[in-house]
Amino acid sequence: MIEIPYTHTENFIAFLQDNSKNIVSCISLTTFFLTIVISFRVNQAYLRWWEARTLWGAMTNDTRDLSLKALTHVDDAGLAIRICLWTAVAADMLRIHLRGWKQEMGLLGKVVDSGSDAIRPDEFLEIKRANHKVLVIFWKLARLLKRAREDGALAPLIHMHMNEHIQGFNNHMGGMERILRCPMPIGYTCVIRTAIVCWMAVLPLGLMPIFWYAAIPIDIVVTYFVCGLEETAAELENPFGVDPNDLPLEHFTSNIRNNIFELMSNYEECQFGERKPRAGGRGGGMEGKDAQRAADDFLTRRAQRRYPAAAAPGDEDENLFEPRREE
């Protein structure tokens, strides 16, 4: 009774030793093809992650360009400030949209709660009820540019160039939505994981004639790295989440917000500090004190005061409009 299992074990080991070359050749061939498949999957997942990062970089550049042109070429101070503010809100709302937080209003809610006239309560409710909030914000940006052109506050050629930035916003958002809503096919993922499990079960048969019982820990170590590559690919497929491997969207949007607010701070100092504002903006925009009050709500209240650096993930509850105190 005791010798039967031992005898079977001896026969099994003898079989592995006699056919070790064939077993090793078979496992080597399957390992080669499995390596190619896993490498392809990891590369595709990383390309999705890197494309998302590239799109956010382009989004950052377009927001800066649009804000620069608005503060430089729009003669109506109130409209220029509103365009810049809606641009910052659009970037933050895109972050919320990609993460599927339908009830979160982000920077837009903080602007409205501050009591500013730059964004009216009816506009806030309109966006809050919208199914695609970011697209509605892009539409409002386009309408502000149209209003500036019709009022004579913006040259037609500059209006065309600024509209191209809004078109760029929409293109960037479309690329991000494609990455978000088109993951790797589930059949492809299931086949790869099934192949890994089968390969993991067969690998000790090729290692045992050489390493004997040490083949078990070796198999565990090798399998850990192979499964780690598969899990890494799965993590990189959706780069818009809140996991450590995902893109730091809070940092990106805070960086955009800080850049735009710094521009508006300098614009306020130049527009209302060094010279008196005009008696009224062209075409019914915010006039005189209204434009200055809108700027004061979101910009610096004294010269030479700066906005805080980009917020780190998890610091969304900080006051976005509190200027940094110089030490």
Protein backbone atom coordinates (compact mmCIF):
# COMPACT_ATOMS: atom_id res chain seq x y z
CA MET A 1 0.00 0.00 0.00
CA ILE A 2 2.89 2.33 0.75
CA GLU A 3 5.02 1.40 -2.25
CA ILE A 4 2.30 1.95 -4.89
CA PRO A 5 2.40 5.80 -4.85
CA TYR A 6 6.17 5.76 -4.70
CA THR A 7 6.31 3.35 -7.65
CA HIS A 8 3.99 5.57 -9.69
CA THR A 9 6.12 8.58 -8.85
CA GLU A 10 9.26 6.78 -9.97
CA ASN A 11 7.61 5.76 -13.24
CA PHE A 12 6.40 9.31 -13.83
CA ILE A 13 9.85 10.80 -13.18
CA ALA A 14 11.44 8.16 -15.40
CA PHE A 15 8.98 9.07 -18.17
CA LEU A 16 9.89 12.73 -17.85
CA GLN A 17 13.60 11.93 -17.97
CA ASP A 18 13.23 9.73 -21.04
CA ASN A 19 11.15 12.33 -22.90
CA SER A 20 12.68 15.46 -21.44
CA LYS A 21 13.95 16.76 -24.78
CA ASN A 22 10.56 16.45 -26.44
CA ILE A 23 8.78 18.02 -23.46
CA VAL A 24 11.24 20.92 -23.28
CA SER A 25 10.95 21.52 -27.03
CA CYS A 26 7.15 21.59 -26.82
CA ILE A 27 7.14 23.96 -23.84
CA SER A 28 9.76 26.19 -25.48
CA LEU A 29 7.63 26.48 -28.62
CA THR A 30 4.49 27.37 -26.68
CA THR A 31 6.46 29.81 -24.50
CA PHE A 32 7.72 31.59 -27.62
CA PHE A 33 4.23 32.12 -29.02
CA LEU A 34 2.82 33.05 -25.60
CA THR A 35 5.55 35.65 -25.18
CA ILE A 36 4.68 37.21 -28.54
CA VAL A 37 0.97 37.36 -27.69
CA ILE A 38 1.55 38.88 -24.24
CA SER A 39 4.02 41.42 -25.65
CA PHE A 40 1.46 42.47 -28.23
CA ARG A 41 -1.18 42.90 -25.55
CA VAL A 42 1.09 44.94 -23.28
CA ASN A 43 2.20 47.14 -26.18
CA GLN A 44 -1.38 47.80 -27.24
CA ALA A 45 -2.38 48.68 -23.67
CA TYR A 46 0.57 51.05 -23.31
CA LEU A 47 -0.23 52.69 -26.66
CA ARG A 48 -3.74 53.40 -25.35
CA TRP A 49 -2.27 54.91 -22.17
CA TRP A 50 0.24 57.02 -24.10
CA GLU A 51 -2.37 58.21 -26.60
CA ALA A 52 -4.54 59.36 -23.70
CA ARG A 53 -1.57 61.24 -22.25
CA THR A 54 -0.88 62.85 -25.64
CA LEU A 55 -4.49 63.93 -25.98
CA TRP A 56 -4.43 65.56 -22.55
CA GLY A 57 -1.22 67.35 -23.47
CA ALA A 58 -2.87 68.70 -26.62
CA MET A 59 -5.92 69.68 -24.55
CA THR A 60 -3.68 71.65 -22.20
CA ASN A 61 -2.02 73.48 -25.09
CA ASP A 62 -5.34 74.36 -26.71
CA THR A 63 -6.77 75.75 -23.47
CA ARG A 64 -3.72 77.97 -23.04
CA ASP A 65 -3.88 79.16 -26.65
CA LEU A 66 -7.59 79.95 -26.46
CA SER A 67 -7.17 81.87 -23.20
CA LEU A 68 -4.21 83.82 -24.56
CA LYS A 69 -6.12 84.83 -27.67
CA ALA A 70 -9.24 85.71 -25.71
CA LEU A 71 -7.38 88.02 -23.32
CA THR A 72 -5.36 89.53 -26.16
CA HIS A 73 -7.85 89.99 -28.99
CA VAL A 74 -11.30 90.25 -27.35
CA ASP A 75 -11.90 93.93 -26.62
CA ASP A 76 -14.77 93.28 -24.22
CA ALA A 77 -13.14 92.57 -20.84
CA GLY A 78 -16.19 90.75 -19.49
CA LEU A 79 -16.43 88.42 -22.48
CA ALA A 80 -12.70 87.72 -22.38
CA ILE A 81 -12.90 86.70 -18.71
CA ARG A 82 -15.96 84.54 -19.33
CA ILE A 83 -14.28 82.74 -22.24
CA CYS A 84 -11.24 81.96 -20.10
CA LEU A 85 -13.36 80.82 -17.18
CA TRP A 86 -15.53 78.54 -19.34
CA THR A 87 -12.33 77.10 -20.84
CA ALA A 88 -11.05 76.10 -17.39
CA VAL A 89 -14.48 74.69 -16.50
CA ALA A 90 -14.53 72.65 -19.73
CA ALA A 91 -11.22 70.95 -18.92
CA ASP A 92 -12.34 70.09 -15.38
CA MET A 93 -15.72 68.83 -16.59
CA LEU A 94 -13.95 66.60 -19.12
CA ARG A 95 -12.10 64.92 -16.25
CA ILE A 96 -15.42 64.28 -14.49
CA HIS A 97 -17.02 63.04 -17.72
CA LEU A 98 -14.25 60.49 -18.38
CA ARG A 99 -14.63 59.07 -14.88
CA GLY A 100 -18.40 58.79 -15.09
CA TRP A 101 -19.14 61.00 -12.09
CA LYS A 102 -22.50 62.28 -13.33
CA GLN A 103 -23.49 64.15 -10.18
CA GLU A 104 -20.14 65.86 -9.64
CA MET A 105 -19.88 69.46 -10.90
CA GLY A 106 -16.27 70.19 -9.96
CA LEU A 107 -14.95 73.66 -10.71
CA LEU A 108 -18.28 74.76 -12.20
CA GLY A 109 -20.04 74.17 -8.88
CA LYS A 110 -17.36 76.07 -6.97
CA VAL A 111 -17.66 79.04 -9.33
CA VAL A 112 -21.43 79.19 -8.88
CA ASP A 113 -21.18 78.75 -5.11
CA SER A 114 -18.80 81.70 -4.95
CA GLY A 115 -21.65 83.98 -6.06
CA SER A 116 -19.96 85.22 -9.22
CA ASP A 117 -21.92 86.73 -12.09
CA ALA A 118 -19.56 85.21 -14.65
CA ILE A 119 -21.65 82.01 -14.74
CA ARG A 120 -25.36 82.51 -14.19
CA PRO A 121 -27.46 80.06 -12.14
CA ASP A 122 -29.61 79.23 -15.18
CA GLU A 123 -26.47 78.26 -17.10
CA PHE A 124 -25.40 76.05 -14.22
CA LEU A 125 -28.78 74.29 -14.15
CA GLU A 126 -28.71 73.88 -17.93
CA ILE A 127 -25.37 72.10 -17.76
CA LYS A 128 -26.36 70.07 -14.71
CA ARG A 129 -29.40 68.67 -16.55
CA ALA A 130 -27.46 67.98 -19.75
CA ASN A 131 -26.63 64.41 -20.70
CA HIS A 132 -23.28 65.41 -22.20
CA LYS A 133 -22.14 68.31 -20.04
CA VAL A 134 -18.79 68.86 -21.73
CA LEU A 135 -20.37 69.22 -25.17
CA VAL A 136 -22.80 71.83 -23.82
CA ILE A 137 -19.86 73.79 -22.39
CA PHE A 138 -18.13 73.70 -25.78
CA TRP A 139 -21.34 75.02 -27.31
CA LYS A 140 -21.43 77.89 -24.81
CA LEU A 141 -17.82 78.72 -25.62
CA ALA A 142 -18.67 78.85 -29.31
CA ARG A 143 -21.64 81.12 -28.60
CA LEU A 144 -19.44 83.49 -26.57
CA LEU A 145 -17.04 83.75 -29.49
CA LYS A 146 -19.93 84.36 -31.87
CA ARG A 147 -21.27 87.07 -29.58
CA ALA A 148 -17.86 88.75 -29.44
CA ARG A 149 -17.62 88.74 -33.23
CA GLU A 150 -21.15 90.06 -33.74
CA ASP A 151 -20.57 92.84 -31.19
CA GLY A 152 -17.39 93.91 -32.95
CA ALA A 153 -15.18 92.91 -30.03
CA LEU A 154 -13.40 90.22 -32.06
CA ALA A 155 -12.02 90.31 -35.60
CA PRO A 156 -13.50 87.70 -37.99
CA LEU A 157 -10.09 86.17 -38.73
CA ILE A 158 -9.25 85.79 -35.03
CA HIS A 159 -12.73 84.37 -34.46
CA MET A 160 -12.01 81.66 -37.02
CA HIS A 161 -8.72 80.75 -35.35
CA MET A 162 -10.30 80.63 -31.90
CA ASN A 163 -13.06 78.39 -33.19
CA GLU A 164 -10.38 75.96 -34.34
CA HIS A 165 -9.35 75.53 -30.71
CA ILE A 166 -12.91 74.59 -29.74
CA GLN A 167 -12.91 72.11 -32.62
CA GLY A 168 -9.64 70.78 -31.18
CA PHE A 169 -11.32 70.38 -27.77
CA ASN A 170 -14.02 68.26 -29.39
CA ASN A 171 -11.49 66.14 -31.28
CA HIS A 172 -9.45 65.51 -28.13
CA MET A 173 -12.57 64.54 -26.22
CA GLY A 174 -13.61 62.17 -29.02
CA GLY A 175 -10.22 60.45 -28.89
CA MET A 176 -10.46 60.03 -25.13
CA GLU A 177 -13.99 58.64 -25.38
CA ARG A 178 -12.82 56.14 -27.99
CA ILE A 179 -10.14 54.88 -25.60
CA LEU A 180 -12.62 54.76 -22.72
CA ARG A 181 -15.45 52.95 -24.52
CA CYS A 182 -13.50 50.53 -26.73
CA PRO A 183 -11.50 48.16 -24.48
CA MET A 184 -9.65 45.10 -25.71
CA PRO A 185 -12.08 42.40 -26.94
CA ILE A 186 -13.13 40.11 -24.10
CA GLY A 187 -12.54 37.01 -26.23
CA TYR A 188 -8.93 38.00 -26.84
CA THR A 189 -8.37 38.59 -23.15
CA CYS A 190 -9.99 35.27 -22.14
CA VAL A 191 -7.89 33.28 -24.62
CA ILE A 192 -4.67 34.84 -23.34
CA ARG A 193 -5.51 34.16 -19.71
CA THR A 194 -6.55 30.58 -20.43
CA ALA A 195 -3.28 30.02 -22.30
CA ILE A 196 -1.33 31.41 -19.34
CA VAL A 197 -3.07 29.04 -16.91
CA CYS A 198 -2.41 26.00 -19.13
CA TRP A 199 1.19 27.03 -19.68
CA MET A 200 1.65 27.52 -15.94
CA ALA A 201 0.37 23.98 -15.28
CA VAL A 202 2.63 22.38 -17.91
CA LEU A 203 5.81 24.35 -17.19
CA PRO A 204 6.89 22.22 -14.17
CA LEU A 205 6.95 19.13 -16.41
CA GLY A 206 9.76 20.68 -18.42
CA LEU A 207 11.61 21.97 -15.37
CA MET A 208 11.35 18.87 -13.17
CA PRO A 209 13.90 16.65 -15.01
CA ILE A 210 16.47 19.42 -14.59
CA PHE A 211 15.61 21.08 -11.25
CA TRP A 212 13.57 18.29 -9.62
CA TYR A 213 11.40 19.65 -6.81
CA ALA A 214 12.98 23.08 -7.13
CA ALA A 215 10.92 23.36 -10.33
CA ILE A 216 7.86 24.28 -8.22
CA PRO A 217 9.20 27.58 -6.77
CA ILE A 218 10.83 28.39 -10.11
CA ASP A 219 7.48 27.90 -11.81
CA ILE A 220 5.82 30.19 -9.26
CA VAL A 221 8.36 32.98 -9.82
CA VAL A 222 8.15 32.78 -13.63
CA THR A 223 4.36 32.66 -13.54
CA TYR A 224 4.28 35.69 -11.24
CA PHE A 225 6.07 37.83 -13.82
CA VAL A 226 3.95 36.54 -16.71
CA CYS A 227 0.71 37.17 -14.82
CA GLY A 228 2.09 40.55 -13.76
CA LEU A 229 2.49 41.55 -17.41
CA GLU A 230 -1.10 40.52 -18.12
CA GLU A 231 -2.38 42.45 -15.10
CA THR A 232 -0.34 45.50 -16.12
CA ALA A 233 -1.92 45.43 -19.56
CA ALA A 234 -5.36 45.24 -17.96
CA GLU A 235 -4.55 48.22 -15.73
CA LEU A 236 -3.33 50.36 -18.63
CA GLU A 237 -6.39 49.72 -20.81
CA ASN A 238 -8.41 52.42 -19.06
CA PRO A 239 -6.06 55.31 -18.16
CA PHE A 240 -8.81 57.63 -16.86
CA GLY A 241 -9.53 55.96 -13.51
CA VAL A 242 -8.18 56.66 -10.04
CA ASP A 243 -5.74 53.75 -9.72
CA PRO A 244 -2.00 54.44 -9.27
CA ASN A 245 -1.29 53.42 -12.88
CA ASP A 246 -3.89 55.81 -14.31
CA LEU A 247 -3.26 59.33 -15.56
CA PRO A 248 -3.22 62.07 -12.88
CA LEU A 249 -6.21 63.94 -14.28
CA GLU A 250 -6.50 66.12 -11.16
CA HIS A 251 -2.98 67.37 -11.77
CA PHE A 252 -3.69 68.08 -15.44
CA THR A 253 -6.89 70.02 -14.80
CA SER A 254 -5.39 71.91 -11.86
CA ASN A 255 -2.45 72.86 -14.04
CA ILE A 256 -4.83 74.18 -16.73
CA ARG A 257 -6.84 76.08 -14.13
CA ASN A 258 -3.75 77.64 -12.56
CA ASN A 259 -2.35 78.71 -15.94
CA ILE A 260 -5.60 80.35 -16.98
CA PHE A 261 -6.11 82.05 -13.61
CA GLU A 262 -2.59 83.44 -13.72
CA LEU A 263 -3.28 84.89 -17.16
CA MET A 264 -6.52 86.43 -15.91
CA SER A 265 -4.68 87.84 -12.88
CA ASN A 266 -2.20 89.64 -15.09
CA TYR A 267 -5.02 90.73 -17.38
CA GLU A 268 -6.93 92.19 -14.43
CA GLU A 269 -3.90 94.13 -13.27
CA CYS A 270 -3.34 95.52 -16.75
CA GLN A 271 -7.00 96.17 -17.52
CA PHE A 272 -8.20 97.59 -14.22
CA GLY A 273 -5.06 98.45 -12.28
CA GLU A 274 -2.92 100.55 -14.59
CA ARG A 275 -5.80 102.27 -16.36
CA LYS A 276 -9.48 102.76 -15.76
CA PRO A 277 -11.86 100.47 -17.61
CA ARG A 278 -13.95 101.87 -20.40
CA ALA A 279 -17.40 103.13 -19.60
CA GLY A 280 -19.00 100.12 -21.24
CA GLY A 281 -18.11 97.02 -23.22
CA ARG A 282 -19.24 96.83 -26.79
CA GLY A 283 -22.45 95.01 -27.43
CA GLY A 284 -23.93 94.45 -23.99
CA GLY A 285 -21.15 92.50 -22.37
CA MET A 286 -20.33 92.94 -18.69
CA GLU A 287 -19.52 96.60 -18.29
CA GLY A 288 -17.11 98.46 -16.05
CA LYS A 289 -17.70 97.37 -12.46
CA ASP A 290 -19.44 94.15 -13.55
CA ALA A 291 -16.37 92.99 -15.43
CA GLN A 292 -14.12 94.04 -12.58
CA ARG A 293 -16.29 92.23 -10.03
CA ALA A 294 -16.28 89.08 -12.18
CA ALA A 295 -12.52 89.28 -12.33
CA ASP A 296 -12.23 89.90 -8.59
CA ASP A 297 -14.30 86.81 -7.84
CA PHE A 298 -11.87 84.46 -9.55
CA LEU A 299 -8.62 86.37 -9.81
CA THR A 300 -6.25 88.04 -7.38
CA ARG A 301 -7.51 90.85 -5.21
CA ARG A 302 -4.14 92.49 -4.84
CA ALA A 303 -1.22 92.88 -7.16
CA GLN A 304 1.62 90.35 -7.10
CA ARG A 305 -0.44 87.51 -5.55
CA ARG A 306 -0.37 84.12 -7.20
CA TYR A 307 -2.67 81.12 -7.30
CA PRO A 308 -1.58 77.82 -5.69
CA ALA A 309 0.32 75.18 -7.58
CA ALA A 310 -1.46 72.25 -9.23
CA ALA A 311 -3.41 70.26 -6.70
CA ALA A 312 -2.28 66.72 -6.07
CA PRO A 313 -4.78 63.86 -6.41
CA GLY A 314 -7.02 63.81 -3.37
CA ASP A 315 -6.77 67.57 -2.74
CA GLU A 316 -9.92 68.49 -4.63
CA ASP A 317 -11.55 69.90 -1.47
CA GLU A 318 -9.10 72.76 -1.18
CA ASN A 319 -10.28 76.28 -1.98
CA LEU A 320 -9.56 76.63 -5.67
CA PHE A 321 -9.74 80.40 -5.53
CA GLU A 322 -7.61 81.15 -2.50
CA PRO A 323 -4.44 82.96 -3.63
CA ARG A 324 -1.10 81.84 -2.29
CA ARG A 325 0.38 84.00 0.44
CA GLU A 326 3.97 84.97 -0.11
CA GLU A 327 6.22 83.93 2.74
